[in-house]
Amino acid sequence: MSLLSKSSSPFARQLFSTILAQRLEIINYHLRFYSQCKTAVDNTQKPEFCFSLPNGNLTNEQRQSYEKTGFVVIRNLVKSESLELFRKRFQDVCTGKVKVLGMTVMKDVAIAKSEFANGEKAITKIQDFTLDDEFFKYCCLPEIVEYVENFTGPNIMAMHTMLINKPPDPGTQTSRHPLHQDLYYFPFRPANRIVCAWTAMEKVNRQNGCLVVVPGTHTGELQVHGYPDWKGGVNKMYHGIQKFDSKEERIHLEMETGDTVFFHPLLVHGSGTNRSSGFRKAISCHYADSACEYIECDNTVQDFISKEVTAIFEKRTKIENARFE
């Protein structure tokens, strides 16, 4: 005799039926999201989609493009009004009007000690601004999140944030960023459930150092990174792939204000020198499925960056022998 038939209460029967229906709905929900990349042991047919999920706003054509290239650009996604709020907040940080707990402020190595660079002209990047209510609004923009769900699924975490203020290059070429893979900086997996949303806060082109991507590299492995041997110096933690085929096809992502590119964490990308007279601003967030798990980085290709991040943390906090678990 079933549990349901033992109950003489109509309310209990209805409650049991409702719970059962909800559980079935949850099971079907997860099957709908994850079945596309799971094949039976005897099934050798390659699934159509492994890098995106049937959710959010991406069309089938856009999903197919992402499968092939590792990125997709959505034009005019973020409104100028929103970007202006982030721009003003950044200016308040630069002038010291606002201080954000846990945020990292970075300066270009070529101007870090210059007495002529101050305020907005001295700061080239801020990182980890999720504890600031104003900046965090970017991570929560519905127009962004609705696309993010195509890659992470519905349970989303904001893992890493940046506002980049790429300065005019002083002639040292330190404003460029070497080709790299973002997964190198992240101690969690799986990679296919991580995505970056990168929004242009103004017109971005080759003149002011737009993003450059190597399409299709998201299907490869995480490469060995390190500091490039550049004469003008290299910014802290600007690691690049040590051995990369210079003949690989590259695409320069020229974008208008509000355009947003979503890309896979294994996609090889970088940015060129800012040869304009102005600063080039962009804001970004890396998202991950909440089911992602942390991994051990010791004695892996991420060992170098892991030790460097730990050393920086110890210096900032004055905590010795720090270990992240």
Protein backbone atom coordinates (compact mmCIF):
# COMPACT_ATOMS: atom_id res chain seq x y z
CA MET A 1 0.00 0.00 0.00
CA SER A 2 1.44 3.39 -0.95
CA LEU A 3 2.00 6.30 1.41
CA LEU A 4 -0.66 8.23 -0.46
CA SER A 5 -3.37 5.60 -0.09
CA LYS A 6 -2.75 5.31 3.66
CA SER A 7 -3.79 8.93 4.18
CA SER A 8 -7.48 9.60 4.56
CA SER A 9 -7.00 13.38 4.37
CA PRO A 10 -7.74 15.00 0.98
CA PHE A 11 -5.33 17.79 1.93
CA ALA A 12 -2.52 15.28 2.55
CA ARG A 13 -3.22 13.62 -0.79
CA GLN A 14 -3.10 16.97 -2.57
CA LEU A 15 0.11 17.98 -0.77
CA PHE A 16 1.81 14.69 -1.65
CA SER A 17 0.79 15.03 -5.30
CA THR A 18 2.10 18.59 -5.40
CA ILE A 19 5.48 17.58 -3.93
CA LEU A 20 5.76 14.68 -6.36
CA ALA A 21 4.96 16.94 -9.30
CA GLN A 22 7.57 19.47 -8.16
CA ARG A 23 10.25 16.79 -7.85
CA LEU A 24 9.47 15.50 -11.33
CA GLU A 25 9.66 19.05 -12.65
CA ILE A 26 13.09 19.54 -11.07
CA ILE A 27 14.38 16.26 -12.54
CA ASN A 28 13.09 17.15 -16.00
CA TYR A 29 14.59 20.63 -15.63
CA HIS A 30 18.09 19.29 -15.00
CA LEU A 31 17.75 16.67 -17.71
CA ARG A 32 16.77 19.37 -20.17
CA PHE A 33 19.91 21.37 -19.40
CA TYR A 34 22.51 18.64 -19.17
CA SER A 35 21.40 15.88 -21.49
CA GLN A 36 22.76 17.58 -24.59
CA CYS A 37 26.37 16.99 -23.59
CA LYS A 38 25.86 13.50 -22.17
CA THR A 39 25.95 10.60 -24.56
CA ALA A 40 25.41 6.91 -23.95
CA VAL A 41 28.42 4.62 -23.83
CA ASP A 42 27.58 3.15 -27.23
CA ASN A 43 26.68 6.50 -28.79
CA THR A 44 29.54 7.90 -30.87
CA GLN A 45 27.56 10.78 -32.32
CA LYS A 46 28.92 14.17 -31.25
CA PRO A 47 26.30 16.35 -29.51
CA GLU A 48 25.36 19.54 -31.32
CA PHE A 49 25.93 21.77 -28.29
CA CYS A 50 28.52 21.24 -25.54
CA PHE A 51 29.48 24.84 -24.71
CA SER A 52 26.02 26.35 -24.28
CA LEU A 53 22.65 25.43 -22.84
CA PRO A 54 19.08 25.72 -24.19
CA ASN A 55 18.23 28.63 -21.97
CA GLY A 56 18.38 32.43 -22.11
CA ASN A 57 18.28 34.60 -25.21
CA LEU A 58 20.77 33.02 -27.61
CA THR A 59 19.37 31.84 -30.93
CA ASN A 60 20.41 28.48 -32.36
CA GLU A 61 22.56 30.31 -34.88
CA GLN A 62 24.36 32.22 -32.11
CA ARG A 63 24.86 29.01 -30.13
CA GLN A 64 26.34 27.30 -33.18
CA SER A 65 28.70 30.23 -33.67
CA TYR A 66 29.79 30.03 -30.02
CA GLU A 67 30.38 26.28 -30.35
CA LYS A 68 32.72 26.97 -33.26
CA THR A 69 34.50 30.16 -32.15
CA GLY A 70 34.17 30.35 -28.35
CA PHE A 71 32.63 33.82 -28.30
CA VAL A 72 29.53 35.73 -29.34
CA VAL A 73 29.02 39.50 -29.58
CA ILE A 74 25.62 41.01 -28.72
CA ARG A 75 25.31 44.52 -30.10
CA ASN A 76 23.89 47.46 -28.12
CA LEU A 77 23.06 45.26 -25.13
CA VAL A 78 23.74 47.59 -22.19
CA LYS A 79 22.16 51.04 -22.08
CA SER A 80 24.35 54.14 -22.01
CA GLU A 81 22.57 55.30 -18.84
CA SER A 82 23.82 52.24 -16.96
CA LEU A 83 27.36 52.66 -18.24
CA GLU A 84 27.38 56.30 -17.19
CA LEU A 85 26.59 55.26 -13.61
CA PHE A 86 29.58 52.89 -13.61
CA ARG A 87 31.78 55.58 -15.15
CA LYS A 88 30.88 58.06 -12.39
CA ARG A 89 31.42 55.44 -9.71
CA PHE A 90 34.86 54.71 -11.13
CA GLN A 91 35.72 58.41 -11.02
CA ASP A 92 34.65 58.51 -7.36
CA VAL A 93 37.00 55.60 -6.64
CA CYS A 94 39.86 57.31 -8.46
CA THR A 95 39.45 60.54 -6.49
CA GLY A 96 39.19 58.70 -3.19
CA LYS A 97 35.60 59.78 -2.63
CA VAL A 98 34.54 56.14 -2.46
CA LYS A 99 36.46 53.21 -0.98
CA VAL A 100 35.30 49.68 -1.77
CA LEU A 101 36.04 46.83 0.64
CA GLY A 102 38.12 44.05 -0.92
CA MET A 103 38.66 45.84 -4.21
CA THR A 104 42.06 45.81 -5.94
CA VAL A 105 43.25 49.03 -7.60
CA MET A 106 45.91 48.63 -10.28
CA LYS A 107 48.23 51.08 -12.05
CA ASP A 108 50.16 50.68 -15.28
CA VAL A 109 53.80 49.85 -14.61
CA ALA A 110 54.91 52.71 -16.88
CA ILE A 111 53.06 55.42 -14.94
CA ALA A 112 52.77 53.91 -11.45
CA LYS A 113 55.47 56.16 -9.99
CA SER A 114 54.79 59.23 -12.12
CA GLU A 115 54.06 62.42 -10.17
CA PHE A 116 52.06 63.70 -13.14
CA ALA A 117 49.57 60.82 -13.16
CA ASN A 118 46.82 61.17 -10.61
CA GLY A 119 43.14 60.45 -10.19
CA GLU A 120 41.53 58.70 -13.13
CA LYS A 121 44.73 58.97 -15.17
CA ALA A 122 46.69 56.96 -12.61
CA ILE A 123 44.39 53.95 -12.29
CA THR A 124 44.22 51.46 -15.14
CA LYS A 125 42.03 48.78 -13.60
CA ILE A 126 39.92 47.93 -10.59
CA GLN A 127 39.12 44.33 -9.71
CA ASP A 128 36.75 42.49 -7.40
CA PHE A 129 34.13 45.19 -6.88
CA THR A 130 31.27 42.83 -6.04
CA LEU A 131 30.93 44.26 -2.52
CA ASP A 132 30.04 47.66 -3.95
CA ASP A 133 26.30 48.03 -4.55
CA GLU A 134 26.73 50.43 -7.48
CA PHE A 135 29.31 48.42 -9.43
CA PHE A 136 27.55 45.14 -8.66
CA LYS A 137 24.52 46.41 -10.57
CA TYR A 138 26.43 45.51 -13.73
CA CYS A 139 26.60 41.86 -12.68
CA CYS A 140 22.84 41.85 -12.06
CA LEU A 141 21.67 43.59 -15.24
CA PRO A 142 18.80 41.45 -16.60
CA GLU A 143 19.99 41.98 -20.17
CA ILE A 144 23.35 40.45 -19.19
CA VAL A 145 22.08 37.66 -16.95
CA GLU A 146 19.56 36.43 -19.52
CA TYR A 147 22.47 35.64 -21.85
CA VAL A 148 24.73 34.31 -19.10
CA GLU A 149 22.15 31.60 -18.39
CA ASN A 150 22.94 30.17 -21.82
CA PHE A 151 26.38 29.22 -20.53
CA THR A 152 26.13 28.66 -16.78
CA GLY A 153 22.57 27.49 -16.37
CA PRO A 154 20.07 29.18 -14.02
CA ASN A 155 22.13 29.05 -10.80
CA ILE A 156 24.68 31.80 -11.29
CA MET A 157 27.57 33.19 -9.24
CA ALA A 158 29.59 36.33 -10.03
CA MET A 159 33.18 35.16 -9.57
CA HIS A 160 35.44 37.95 -10.82
CA THR A 161 34.83 41.56 -11.82
CA MET A 162 36.85 44.29 -13.52
CA LEU A 163 36.58 47.81 -14.83
CA ILE A 164 39.44 48.37 -17.25
CA ASN A 165 40.68 51.90 -17.91
CA LYS A 166 43.31 51.18 -20.58
CA PRO A 167 45.59 54.24 -20.70
CA PRO A 168 47.16 55.89 -23.74
CA ASP A 169 50.44 54.08 -24.21
CA PRO A 170 53.45 56.20 -23.19
CA GLY A 171 55.66 54.48 -25.75
CA THR A 172 56.51 51.44 -23.66
CA GLN A 173 53.65 49.29 -25.04
CA THR A 174 52.76 48.31 -21.48
CA SER A 175 49.10 49.08 -22.16
CA ARG A 176 48.78 45.88 -24.19
CA HIS A 177 47.73 42.58 -22.63
CA PRO A 178 49.48 39.39 -23.81
CA LEU A 179 47.47 36.52 -25.25
CA HIS A 180 46.12 34.42 -22.39
CA GLN A 181 43.28 32.21 -21.21
CA ASP A 182 41.14 33.41 -18.32
CA LEU A 183 40.77 29.90 -16.91
CA TYR A 184 44.44 30.16 -15.91
CA TYR A 185 43.35 32.55 -13.14
CA PHE A 186 40.41 30.48 -11.89
CA PRO A 187 40.76 27.52 -9.47
CA PHE A 188 37.32 26.07 -10.20
CA ARG A 189 35.72 23.84 -12.83
CA PRO A 190 34.13 22.80 -15.14
CA ALA A 191 35.29 25.34 -17.71
CA ASN A 192 32.21 24.90 -19.88
CA ARG A 193 30.02 26.36 -17.15
CA ILE A 194 32.06 29.57 -16.85
CA VAL A 195 31.64 32.63 -19.07
CA CYS A 196 32.85 36.21 -19.24
CA ALA A 197 30.60 39.15 -20.10
CA TRP A 198 32.74 42.07 -21.34
CA THR A 199 30.98 45.34 -22.19
CA ALA A 200 32.46 48.28 -24.08
CA MET A 201 31.84 51.52 -22.17
CA GLU A 202 32.78 53.52 -25.26
CA LYS A 203 33.79 52.87 -28.85
CA VAL A 204 36.51 50.23 -28.91
CA ASN A 205 38.72 49.70 -31.96
CA ARG A 206 42.23 48.72 -32.97
CA GLN A 207 43.42 52.28 -32.39
CA ASN A 208 42.62 52.24 -28.67
CA GLY A 209 43.41 48.57 -28.04
CA CYS A 210 40.34 46.43 -28.63
CA LEU A 211 40.14 42.78 -27.65
CA VAL A 212 41.75 40.30 -30.02
CA VAL A 213 40.62 36.67 -29.95
CA VAL A 214 41.84 33.43 -31.51
CA PRO A 215 38.63 31.66 -32.57
CA GLY A 216 38.23 27.98 -31.78
CA THR A 217 40.91 27.82 -29.09
CA HIS A 218 38.24 27.19 -26.43
CA THR A 219 38.23 23.55 -27.53
CA GLY A 220 41.88 23.11 -26.54
CA GLU A 221 43.73 22.66 -23.27
CA LEU A 222 44.83 25.17 -20.66
CA GLN A 223 48.30 26.32 -21.72
CA VAL A 224 51.43 27.19 -19.73
CA HIS A 225 51.51 30.92 -18.91
CA GLY A 226 54.15 33.29 -17.61
CA TYR A 227 55.42 36.84 -17.92
CA PRO A 228 56.36 37.82 -21.48
CA ASP A 229 59.85 39.22 -22.09
CA TRP A 230 58.88 42.77 -23.01
CA LYS A 231 61.42 45.59 -22.95
CA GLY A 232 59.00 48.19 -21.61
CA GLY A 233 57.96 46.04 -18.69
CA VAL A 234 54.84 44.04 -17.90
CA ASN A 235 51.97 44.84 -15.57
CA LYS A 236 51.52 42.69 -12.47
CA MET A 237 49.72 39.40 -13.16
CA TYR A 238 49.58 40.10 -16.92
CA HIS A 239 50.70 36.58 -17.74
CA GLY A 240 50.68 35.31 -21.30
CA ILE A 241 50.84 31.95 -23.05
CA GLN A 242 54.50 30.95 -23.29
CA LYS A 243 54.39 29.09 -26.59
CA PHE A 244 51.77 30.16 -29.08
CA ASP A 245 51.64 29.81 -32.85
CA SER A 246 51.82 33.36 -34.20
CA LYS A 247 50.24 32.15 -37.46
CA GLU A 248 46.92 31.35 -35.78
CA GLU A 249 43.97 33.36 -37.10
CA ARG A 250 43.11 36.38 -34.94
CA ILE A 251 39.97 38.49 -34.88
CA HIS A 252 39.91 42.05 -33.59
CA LEU A 253 36.63 42.75 -31.80
CA GLU A 254 35.77 46.33 -32.64
CA MET A 255 32.72 47.34 -30.59
CA GLU A 256 30.40 50.27 -30.01
CA THR A 257 29.23 51.57 -26.62
CA GLY A 258 27.06 48.95 -24.92
CA ASP A 259 28.15 46.06 -27.14
CA THR A 260 28.91 42.98 -25.07
CA VAL A 261 30.99 39.93 -25.89
CA PHE A 262 30.46 36.64 -24.05
CA PHE A 263 33.41 34.27 -24.25
CA HIS A 264 34.64 30.91 -22.96
CA PRO A 265 37.41 30.87 -20.29
CA LEU A 266 39.70 28.77 -22.51
CA LEU A 267 39.44 31.16 -25.46
CA VAL A 268 42.86 32.65 -26.20
CA HIS A 269 42.58 36.44 -26.22
CA GLY A 270 44.39 39.65 -25.35
CA SER A 271 44.35 43.33 -26.26
CA GLY A 272 46.58 45.66 -28.21
CA THR A 273 48.35 48.89 -27.37
CA ASN A 274 46.20 51.97 -26.85
CA ARG A 275 47.57 54.28 -29.54
CA SER A 276 44.86 56.91 -29.03
CA SER A 277 45.06 59.99 -26.82
CA GLY A 278 42.23 58.89 -24.52
CA PHE A 279 41.51 56.12 -22.03
CA ARG A 280 39.56 53.05 -23.20
CA LYS A 281 37.03 51.78 -20.69
CA ALA A 282 35.27 48.42 -20.43
CA ILE A 283 33.50 46.60 -17.60
CA SER A 284 33.31 42.83 -17.17
CA CYS A 285 32.21 39.99 -14.96
CA HIS A 286 33.04 36.30 -14.98
CA TYR A 287 30.11 34.10 -14.05
CA ALA A 288 30.00 30.44 -13.08
CA ASP A 289 27.44 27.77 -12.35
CA SER A 290 26.98 27.53 -8.58
CA ALA A 291 27.65 23.79 -8.90
CA CYS A 292 31.26 24.44 -9.98
CA GLU A 293 33.87 23.01 -7.62
CA TYR A 294 37.26 24.33 -6.53
CA ILE A 295 40.39 22.43 -7.53
CA GLU A 296 43.94 22.11 -6.23
CA CYS A 297 46.41 24.18 -8.30
CA ASP A 298 49.72 23.03 -6.83
CA ASN A 299 52.00 21.32 -9.36
CA THR A 300 49.72 22.21 -12.27
CA VAL A 301 49.96 24.82 -15.04
CA GLN A 302 48.25 27.17 -12.56
CA ASP A 303 50.92 26.74 -9.88
CA PHE A 304 52.75 29.97 -10.82
CA ILE A 305 49.73 32.26 -10.67
CA SER A 306 48.46 30.50 -7.54
CA LYS A 307 51.67 31.30 -5.67
CA GLU A 308 51.71 34.87 -6.96
CA VAL A 309 48.13 35.55 -5.87
CA THR A 310 48.88 34.06 -2.45
CA ALA A 311 51.97 36.27 -2.08
CA ILE A 312 49.97 39.38 -2.99
CA PHE A 313 47.27 38.41 -0.50
CA GLU A 314 49.84 37.90 2.27
CA LYS A 315 51.41 41.27 1.54
CA ARG A 316 48.08 43.12 1.59
CA THR A 317 46.73 41.39 4.70
CA LYS A 318 50.04 40.75 6.50
CA ILE A 319 48.93 37.14 6.97
CA GLU A 320 51.81 34.68 6.65
CA ASN A 321 51.63 31.18 5.17
CA ALA A 322 48.15 31.78 3.77
CA ARG A 323 46.42 28.83 2.17
CA PHE A 324 43.14 28.89 0.31
CA GLU A 325 40.94 25.85 0.69
